[in-house]
N, C-alpha and C. Protein backbone atom coordinates (compact mmCIF):
# COMPACT_ATOMS: atom_id res chain seq x y z
N MET A 1 69.82 81.38 93.02
CA MET A 1 70.63 82.35 92.28
C MET A 1 70.95 83.75 92.20
N PHE A 2 69.32 84.18 91.79
CA PHE A 2 68.66 85.31 91.81
C PHE A 2 68.98 86.00 93.42
N ARG A 3 68.28 85.29 93.94
CA ARG A 3 67.93 85.47 95.23
C ARG A 3 69.34 86.24 96.19
N ASN A 4 70.78 85.34 95.85
CA ASN A 4 72.36 86.08 96.01
C ASN A 4 72.15 87.60 95.67
N MET A 5 72.41 87.47 94.28
CA MET A 5 72.37 88.60 93.68
C MET A 5 71.51 89.87 93.88
N LEU A 6 70.31 89.67 93.89
CA LEU A 6 69.89 90.57 94.49
C LEU A 6 70.98 91.23 96.11
N VAL A 7 70.86 89.86 97.00
CA VAL A 7 71.36 90.52 97.98
C VAL A 7 72.84 91.38 98.02
N SER A 8 74.18 90.55 96.60
CA SER A 8 74.89 91.41 97.42
C SER A 8 74.74 92.59 96.36
N LEU A 9 73.62 92.95 95.60
CA LEU A 9 73.29 94.17 95.33
C LEU A 9 72.71 94.76 96.27
N LEU A 10 72.14 94.37 96.58
CA LEU A 10 71.40 95.67 98.00
C LEU A 10 72.42 95.92 98.76
N GLN A 11 73.73 94.57 98.91
CA GLN A 11 74.41 95.03 99.99
C GLN A 11 75.59 96.43 99.44
N HIS A 12 76.09 95.72 98.25
CA HIS A 12 77.39 96.30 97.48
C HIS A 12 76.77 97.65 96.84
N GLU A 13 75.72 97.80 96.31
CA GLU A 13 74.84 98.74 95.52
C GLU A 13 75.43 98.71 94.02
N ARG A 14 76.29 98.03 93.90
CA ARG A 14 76.87 97.90 92.37
C ARG A 14 77.50 95.79 92.79
N ILE A 15 77.14 95.78 91.64
CA ILE A 15 77.36 94.30 90.95
C ILE A 15 77.96 93.96 89.49
N ARG A 16 78.43 93.07 89.23
CA ARG A 16 79.13 93.00 87.83
C ARG A 16 78.28 91.29 87.35
N THR A 17 78.01 91.70 86.55
CA THR A 17 77.20 90.18 85.76
C THR A 17 77.37 90.00 84.51
N THR A 18 76.43 89.32 84.22
CA THR A 18 76.76 89.46 82.64
C THR A 18 75.25 90.06 82.38
N LEU A 19 75.04 90.13 80.80
CA LEU A 19 74.21 91.15 80.72
C LEU A 19 72.35 90.50 80.67
N ALA A 20 72.18 89.11 80.39
CA ALA A 20 71.35 88.66 80.38
C ALA A 20 70.15 88.41 82.24
N LYS A 21 71.82 88.14 82.75
CA LYS A 21 71.65 88.12 84.29
C LYS A 21 71.06 89.35 85.10
N GLY A 22 72.00 90.25 84.66
CA GLY A 22 71.34 92.03 84.85
C GLY A 22 70.49 92.32 84.78
N LYS A 23 69.64 92.15 83.55
CA LYS A 23 68.32 92.67 82.56
C LYS A 23 67.39 91.87 83.98
N GLU A 24 67.44 90.58 83.84
CA GLU A 24 66.24 89.98 84.98
C GLU A 24 66.41 90.76 86.33
N LEU A 25 68.07 90.82 86.95
CA LEU A 25 68.12 91.28 88.29
C LEU A 25 67.37 92.64 88.71
N ARG A 26 67.37 93.47 87.63
CA ARG A 26 66.44 94.37 87.71
C ARG A 26 64.99 94.43 87.75
N ILE A 27 64.08 93.33 87.59
CA ILE A 27 62.92 93.20 87.87
C ILE A 27 62.82 92.93 89.55
N TRP A 28 63.52 91.51 89.63
CA TRP A 28 63.62 91.69 91.37
C TRP A 28 63.75 92.40 92.13
N ALA A 29 64.89 93.88 91.72
CA ALA A 29 65.51 94.79 92.57
C ALA A 29 64.49 95.92 92.46
N ASP A 30 63.75 96.23 91.62
CA ASP A 30 62.75 96.85 91.42
C ASP A 30 61.51 96.38 92.25
N LYS A 31 61.12 95.00 92.21
CA LYS A 31 59.80 94.65 92.86
C LYS A 31 60.06 94.97 94.63
N ILE A 32 61.47 94.53 94.93
CA ILE A 32 61.87 94.41 96.21
C ILE A 32 62.25 95.78 96.57
N ILE A 33 62.56 97.18 96.06
CA ILE A 33 62.45 98.09 96.37
C ILE A 33 61.35 98.81 96.42
N THR A 34 60.46 98.67 96.23
CA THR A 34 58.88 98.93 95.64
C THR A 34 58.30 98.54 97.08
N LEU A 35 58.30 97.17 97.02
CA LEU A 35 58.27 96.49 98.32
C LEU A 35 58.34 97.21 99.83
N ALA A 36 59.44 98.07 99.94
CA ALA A 36 60.49 98.09 100.83
C ALA A 36 59.64 99.52 101.04
N LYS A 37 59.40 100.71 99.91
CA LYS A 37 58.81 101.87 99.88
C LYS A 37 57.25 101.60 100.43
N LYS A 38 56.59 100.67 100.98
CA LYS A 38 55.53 100.95 101.57
C LYS A 38 56.05 100.92 102.91
N GLY A 39 56.97 100.15 103.81
CA GLY A 39 57.71 100.96 105.01
C GLY A 39 56.77 100.03 106.17
N THR A 40 55.55 99.06 105.78
CA THR A 40 54.53 98.49 106.78
C THR A 40 55.78 97.00 107.42
N LEU A 41 55.20 96.82 108.02
CA LEU A 41 55.64 95.21 109.04
C LEU A 41 55.53 94.11 108.08
N HIS A 42 54.52 93.43 107.25
CA HIS A 42 54.03 92.56 106.71
C HIS A 42 54.52 92.87 105.39
N ALA A 43 55.18 94.47 104.72
CA ALA A 43 56.53 94.28 103.87
C ALA A 43 57.30 93.96 104.39
N ARG A 44 57.91 94.50 105.33
CA ARG A 44 59.49 94.08 105.81
C ARG A 44 59.37 92.42 106.11
N ARG A 45 58.76 91.55 106.63
CA ARG A 45 58.42 90.44 106.81
C ARG A 45 57.97 89.44 105.26
N GLN A 46 57.84 90.29 104.38
CA GLN A 46 57.36 89.67 102.85
C GLN A 46 59.32 89.46 101.67
N ALA A 47 59.48 90.96 102.57
CA ALA A 47 61.09 91.13 102.20
C ALA A 47 61.93 90.30 102.75
N PHE A 48 61.91 89.56 103.86
CA PHE A 48 62.80 88.67 104.82
C PHE A 48 62.58 87.31 104.14
N ALA A 49 61.35 87.30 103.45
CA ALA A 49 61.28 86.17 103.05
C ALA A 49 62.03 85.42 101.86
N ARG A 50 61.83 86.77 101.18
CA ARG A 50 62.66 86.47 99.97
C ARG A 50 64.31 87.12 99.89
N LEU A 51 64.42 87.91 100.63
CA LEU A 51 65.86 88.24 100.75
C LEU A 51 67.02 87.11 102.02
N ARG A 52 65.96 86.83 103.03
CA ARG A 52 66.42 85.91 103.88
C ARG A 52 68.20 86.13 104.39
N ASN A 53 68.19 87.40 104.82
CA ASN A 53 69.21 88.21 105.69
C ASN A 53 68.79 89.42 106.21
N GLU A 54 68.87 89.47 107.60
CA GLU A 54 67.96 90.54 108.39
C GLU A 54 68.97 91.76 108.06
N THR A 55 70.32 92.01 108.03
CA THR A 55 71.22 92.83 107.63
C THR A 55 70.79 93.28 106.72
N ILE A 56 70.68 93.01 105.73
CA ILE A 56 70.06 93.79 104.00
C ILE A 56 68.79 94.38 104.25
N VAL A 57 67.81 93.34 104.62
CA VAL A 57 66.21 93.97 105.04
C VAL A 57 66.57 95.44 105.49
N LYS A 58 67.52 95.53 106.96
CA LYS A 58 67.05 96.23 107.92
C LYS A 58 67.54 97.82 106.55
N LYS A 59 68.47 96.89 106.06
CA LYS A 59 69.78 98.30 104.74
C LYS A 59 68.84 99.09 103.94
N LEU A 60 67.62 97.71 103.68
CA LEU A 60 67.22 98.18 102.31
C LEU A 60 65.78 99.47 103.15
N PHE A 61 65.37 98.93 103.92
CA PHE A 61 64.21 99.48 104.48
C PHE A 61 64.64 100.78 105.16
N ASP A 62 65.94 100.93 105.68
CA ASP A 62 66.44 101.79 106.25
C ASP A 62 67.02 103.06 105.62
N GLU A 63 68.09 102.49 104.69
CA GLU A 63 68.09 103.73 104.28
C GLU A 63 68.14 103.59 102.53
N ILE A 64 68.03 102.47 101.75
CA ILE A 64 67.94 102.79 100.55
C ILE A 64 66.27 102.62 99.80
N ALA A 65 65.31 102.53 100.60
CA ALA A 65 64.35 102.69 100.02
C ALA A 65 63.71 104.30 100.78
N PRO A 66 63.69 105.05 101.74
CA PRO A 66 64.06 106.57 101.77
C PRO A 66 64.67 107.64 100.78
N LYS A 67 65.48 106.63 100.13
CA LYS A 67 66.38 107.43 99.15
C LYS A 67 65.26 107.77 98.26
N MET A 68 64.94 106.36 98.00
CA MET A 68 64.16 106.35 96.27
C MET A 68 62.69 106.54 96.12
N LYS A 69 62.44 106.86 97.54
CA LYS A 69 60.66 107.21 97.51
C LYS A 69 60.36 108.83 96.86
N ASP A 70 60.56 109.49 95.91
CA ASP A 70 60.61 110.34 95.05
C ASP A 70 60.23 109.44 93.80
N ARG A 71 60.87 108.32 93.48
CA ARG A 71 61.00 107.67 92.07
C ARG A 71 59.87 106.81 92.58
N GLU A 72 59.30 106.85 91.01
CA GLU A 72 58.18 106.16 90.09
C GLU A 72 58.52 104.54 90.05
N GLY A 73 59.86 104.56 89.79
CA GLY A 73 60.40 102.96 89.31
C GLY A 73 61.71 103.40 88.80
N GLY A 74 62.44 102.56 88.26
CA GLY A 74 63.80 102.24 87.78
C GLY A 74 64.69 102.87 88.87
N TYR A 75 65.08 101.88 90.18
CA TYR A 75 65.92 101.72 90.65
C TYR A 75 67.11 101.46 90.29
N THR A 76 67.08 100.82 89.05
CA THR A 76 68.89 100.27 89.22
C THR A 76 68.40 100.77 87.56
N ARG A 77 70.20 100.94 87.62
CA ARG A 77 70.99 100.97 86.31
C ARG A 77 71.82 99.80 85.98
N ILE A 78 71.66 99.52 84.19
CA ILE A 78 72.50 98.71 83.88
C ILE A 78 73.61 99.44 82.56
N TYR A 79 74.77 98.98 82.59
CA TYR A 79 75.73 99.83 81.90
C TYR A 79 76.47 98.28 81.33
N LYS A 80 77.03 98.52 80.02
CA LYS A 80 77.72 96.97 79.04
C LYS A 80 79.24 97.54 79.25
N MET A 81 79.69 96.54 79.79
CA MET A 81 80.89 96.81 80.21
C MET A 81 82.03 95.46 79.13
N GLY A 82 81.50 95.13 78.06
CA GLY A 82 82.61 94.89 77.16
C GLY A 82 81.88 93.09 76.95
N TRP A 83 82.71 92.27 76.86
CA TRP A 83 82.73 90.48 76.80
C TRP A 83 83.80 90.05 77.63
N ARG A 84 83.30 88.49 78.09
CA ARG A 84 84.01 88.50 78.87
C ARG A 84 85.35 87.58 78.41
N GLN A 85 86.08 87.41 78.80
CA GLN A 85 87.81 86.47 78.54
C GLN A 85 87.49 85.47 78.03
N GLY A 86 87.08 84.28 78.64
CA GLY A 86 86.90 82.91 78.53
C GLY A 86 86.25 82.61 77.52
N ASP A 87 84.71 82.95 77.96
CA ASP A 87 83.56 82.32 76.89
C ASP A 87 82.68 83.74 75.65
N GLY A 88 83.29 84.68 76.37
CA GLY A 88 82.45 85.73 75.45
C GLY A 88 81.10 86.12 75.67
N ALA A 89 80.79 86.15 76.75
CA ALA A 89 79.44 86.65 77.05
C ALA A 89 79.58 87.85 77.29
N PRO A 90 78.24 88.64 76.90
CA PRO A 90 78.60 90.51 77.13
C PRO A 90 78.49 90.32 78.83
N LEU A 91 79.21 91.56 79.77
CA LEU A 91 79.17 91.36 80.57
C LEU A 91 78.75 93.32 80.99
N SER A 92 77.69 93.15 82.06
CA SER A 92 77.27 94.24 82.54
C SER A 92 77.38 94.58 83.91
N LEU A 93 77.39 96.05 84.33
CA LEU A 93 77.18 96.71 85.45
C LEU A 93 76.23 96.92 86.37
N VAL A 94 75.59 96.42 86.69
CA VAL A 94 74.13 96.60 87.37
C VAL A 94 74.49 97.40 89.17
N GLU A 95 74.09 98.96 88.97
CA GLU A 95 74.31 99.45 90.01
C GLU A 95 72.85 100.54 90.58
N LEU A 96 72.33 100.17 91.84
CA LEU A 96 71.13 101.49 92.16
C LEU A 96 71.54 102.58 92.06
N VAL A 97 70.50 103.53 91.28
CA VAL A 97 70.28 104.90 91.31
C VAL A 97 71.37 105.28 91.70
N THR A 98 70.63 105.38 93.07
CA THR A 98 71.44 106.24 94.37
C THR A 98 73.16 105.56 94.67
N TYR A 99 73.69 104.94 94.08
CA TYR A 99 75.16 104.41 94.30
C TYR A 99 76.03 106.00 94.13
N THR A 100 76.66 106.49 95.06
CA THR A 100 77.59 106.91 94.76
C THR A 100 79.11 106.41 95.55
N PRO A 101 80.36 106.56 94.62
CA PRO A 101 81.58 106.14 95.11
C PRO A 101 82.43 106.42 95.89
N PRO A 102 82.99 105.80 96.79
CA PRO A 102 83.47 106.16 98.31
C PRO A 102 84.51 106.94 98.20
N GLU A 103 83.92 108.33 98.46
CA GLU A 103 85.24 109.00 98.18
C GLU A 103 86.56 109.20 98.84
N GLU A 104 87.96 108.83 98.72
CA GLU A 104 89.32 109.03 99.07
C GLU A 104 89.41 110.12 99.81
N LYS A 105 90.21 110.39 100.44
CA LYS A 105 90.68 111.48 101.12
C LYS A 105 91.97 112.22 100.63
N ARG A 106 92.01 113.23 100.55
CA ARG A 106 93.32 113.34 99.33
C ARG A 106 94.26 114.69 100.68
N GLY A 107 95.15 114.69 100.22
CA GLY A 107 95.98 116.12 100.50
C GLY A 107 96.88 115.06 101.92
N SER A 108 97.08 115.07 103.16
CA SER A 108 97.94 114.40 103.67
C SER A 108 97.79 112.86 103.76
N ALA A 109 96.89 113.00 104.08
CA ALA A 109 96.40 111.26 103.96
C ALA A 109 97.10 110.53 102.91
N VAL A 110 97.36 111.07 101.55
CA VAL A 110 98.04 110.19 100.42
C VAL A 110 99.60 110.35 100.78
N VAL A 111 99.71 111.18 101.57
CA VAL A 111 101.41 111.25 101.55
C VAL A 111 101.70 110.31 102.97
N GLU A 112 101.11 110.08 103.64
CA GLU A 112 100.62 109.12 104.88
C GLU A 112 100.76 107.98 104.19
N LYS A 113 99.28 107.81 103.25
CA LYS A 113 99.50 106.65 102.57
C LYS A 113 100.68 105.67 102.31
N ALA A 114 101.07 106.82 101.26
CA ALA A 114 102.89 106.42 101.06
C ALA A 114 103.63 106.22 101.36
N LYS A 115 104.23 106.79 103.08
CA LYS A 115 105.15 106.16 103.51
C LYS A 115 104.81 105.27 104.38
N GLU A 116 103.59 104.33 104.20
CA GLU A 116 103.50 103.60 105.12
C GLU A 116 103.91 102.26 103.82
N VAL A 117 103.85 102.71 102.59
CA VAL A 117 104.28 101.43 101.69
C VAL A 117 105.39 101.38 101.50
N ILE A 118 105.95 102.69 101.88
CA ILE A 118 107.67 102.68 101.26
C ILE A 118 108.16 102.16 102.83
N GLY A 119 107.73 102.23 104.19
CA GLY A 119 107.56 101.57 104.97
C GLY A 119 107.85 100.20 104.87
N LYS A 120 106.93 99.82 104.26
CA LYS A 120 106.85 98.20 104.03
C LYS A 120 107.67 97.43 103.43
N VAL A 121 108.03 98.51 102.16
CA VAL A 121 109.08 97.71 101.12
C VAL A 121 109.94 97.57 101.35
N THR A 122 110.97 98.52 102.30
CA THR A 122 112.29 98.81 102.52
C THR A 122 112.78 97.57 103.99
N PRO A 123 113.29 96.46 103.25
CA PRO A 123 113.47 95.66 104.34
C PRO A 123 114.04 95.63 105.74
N LYS A 124 113.83 96.18 106.72
CA LYS A 124 113.67 96.26 107.94
C LYS A 124 114.78 95.23 108.90
N LYS A 125 114.38 93.48 108.52
CA LYS A 125 115.00 93.21 109.27
C LYS A 125 116.90 92.94 108.81
N LYS A 126 117.15 92.99 107.16
CA LYS A 126 118.01 93.00 107.01
C LYS A 126 119.12 93.99 107.15
N GLU A 127 118.29 95.36 107.62
CA GLU A 127 119.17 96.16 107.98
C GLU A 127 119.95 96.14 109.14
N LYS A 128 118.32 95.72 109.92
CA LYS A 128 119.22 95.17 111.40
C LYS A 128 119.80 94.23 111.85
N LYS A 129 120.22 93.19 110.87
CA LYS A 129 120.64 92.27 110.62
C LYS A 129 122.44 92.44 110.48
N ALA A 130 122.33 93.75 109.51
CA ALA A 130 123.34 94.04 109.16
C ALA A 130 124.21 94.93 110.06
N GLU A 131 123.35 95.94 110.66
CA GLU A 131 123.94 96.61 111.78
C GLU A 131 124.66 96.14 113.07
N GLY A 132 123.61 94.48 113.53
CA GLY A 132 123.93 93.73 114.40
C GLY A 132 124.94 93.00 114.30
N LYS A 133 125.50 92.47 112.80
CA LYS A 133 126.81 91.24 111.94
C LYS A 133 127.86 92.64 112.12
N GLY A 134 127.57 94.16 112.00
CA GLY A 134 129.18 94.83 112.22
C GLY A 134 129.24 94.94 113.32
N LYS A 135 128.36 95.33 114.72
CA LYS A 135 128.99 95.61 115.66
C LYS A 135 129.66 94.80 116.76
N GLU A 136 128.85 93.31 115.88
CA GLU A 136 129.49 92.25 116.01
C GLU A 136 131.26 92.01 115.73
N LYS A 137 131.44 92.36 114.45
CA LYS A 137 132.76 92.01 113.88
C LYS A 137 133.50 93.21 114.31
N LYS A 138 133.09 93.89 114.39
CA LYS A 138 134.21 95.34 115.42
C LYS A 138 134.31 94.56 117.21
N ALA A 139 133.63 93.74 117.87
CA ALA A 139 134.00 93.84 118.87
C ALA A 139 135.22 92.09 119.25
N LYS A 140 134.55 91.99 118.21
CA LYS A 140 136.07 90.92 117.59
C LYS A 140 136.73 90.85 117.46
N LYS A 141 137.11 91.95 116.38
CA LYS A 141 138.23 93.16 115.80
C LYS A 141 139.08 93.63 117.11
N GLU A 142 138.71 93.72 118.08
CA GLU A 142 138.95 94.29 119.06
C GLU A 142 139.60 93.45 120.06
N GLU A 143 138.55 91.97 119.94
CA GLU A 143 139.19 91.51 121.04
C GLU A 143 140.65 89.99 120.70
N LYS A 144 140.57 90.41 119.09
CA LYS A 144 141.67 89.63 118.82
C LYS A 144 143.06 90.09 119.04
N PRO A 145 143.68 89.48 119.87
CA PRO A 145 144.89 90.02 120.17
C PRO A 145 145.99 90.48 118.09
N THR A 146 146.48 91.42 118.25
CA THR A 146 147.30 92.02 117.08
C THR A 146 148.56 90.72 116.69
N THR A 147 149.13 90.93 116.19
CA THR A 147 150.29 90.24 115.64
C THR A 147 151.45 90.59 116.47
N LYS A 148 151.65 91.81 116.84
CA LYS A 148 152.66 92.34 117.80
C LYS A 148 152.72 92.16 119.28
N GLU A 149 150.94 91.94 119.50
CA GLU A 149 150.51 91.43 121.08
C GLU A 149 151.43 89.90 121.09
N LYS A 150 150.78 89.12 120.16
CA LYS A 150 151.49 87.90 120.49
C LYS A 150 152.96 87.67 120.11
N LYS A 151 153.56 88.07 119.86
CA LYS A 151 155.43 88.68 119.21
C LYS A 151 155.81 89.53 120.71
N GLU A 152 155.37 89.89 121.83
CA GLU A 152 155.69 90.21 123.26
C GLU A 152 155.42 89.40 123.88
N LYS A 153 154.63 88.55 124.15
CA LYS A 153 154.21 87.37 125.10
C LYS A 153 155.57 85.83 124.86
N PRO A 154 156.37 86.43 125.95
CA PRO A 154 156.88 84.92 125.78
C PRO A 154 156.27 83.68 126.14
N LYS A 155 156.76 82.65 125.20
CA LYS A 155 156.06 80.97 125.45
C LYS A 155 156.73 80.60 126.35
N GLU A 156 155.46 79.74 127.09
CA GLU A 156 156.51 79.30 128.21
C GLU A 156 156.69 77.76 127.53
N LYS A 157 157.72 77.38 128.07
CA LYS A 157 158.08 76.03 127.77
C LYS A 157 157.48 75.25 129.51
N THR A 158 157.13 73.88 128.83
CA THR A 158 157.19 72.99 129.89
C THR A 158 158.16 72.12 130.18
N PRO A 159 158.19 71.94 131.56
CA PRO A 159 159.76 70.95 131.46
C PRO A 159 159.84 69.58 131.21
């Protein structure tokens, strides 16, 4: 269980879990990051034995460990978030100290997103069907003879 939580923490750099699991996970994360700071082949193999995920080991050694090279320890922080609705367990947010939330582009990107959302909300199919039906009705009205035209045509009698 802690292996999976550690992989998720290293992948996303932030996870939400119970307080007890978060405190235990901090120990695992500190050990694996300290191992990654060595940067040797042996350390990489030990990390892979613990994590069982090549992409996460690569991220750990290439991205996370260089950011932590000046720190002696304390690579994670834990925020208390309250209690879980169902069973009342205390929740926490465990994140790496170097975590930075992804920045969203402001300005024209927001306007473009708004236009996309509006485009998705408006029912285009109904508009097209309504336009198509309106054209068909006009065409049918033009094809039908009026009552005056019917009166003008003489009825043919059969002998």
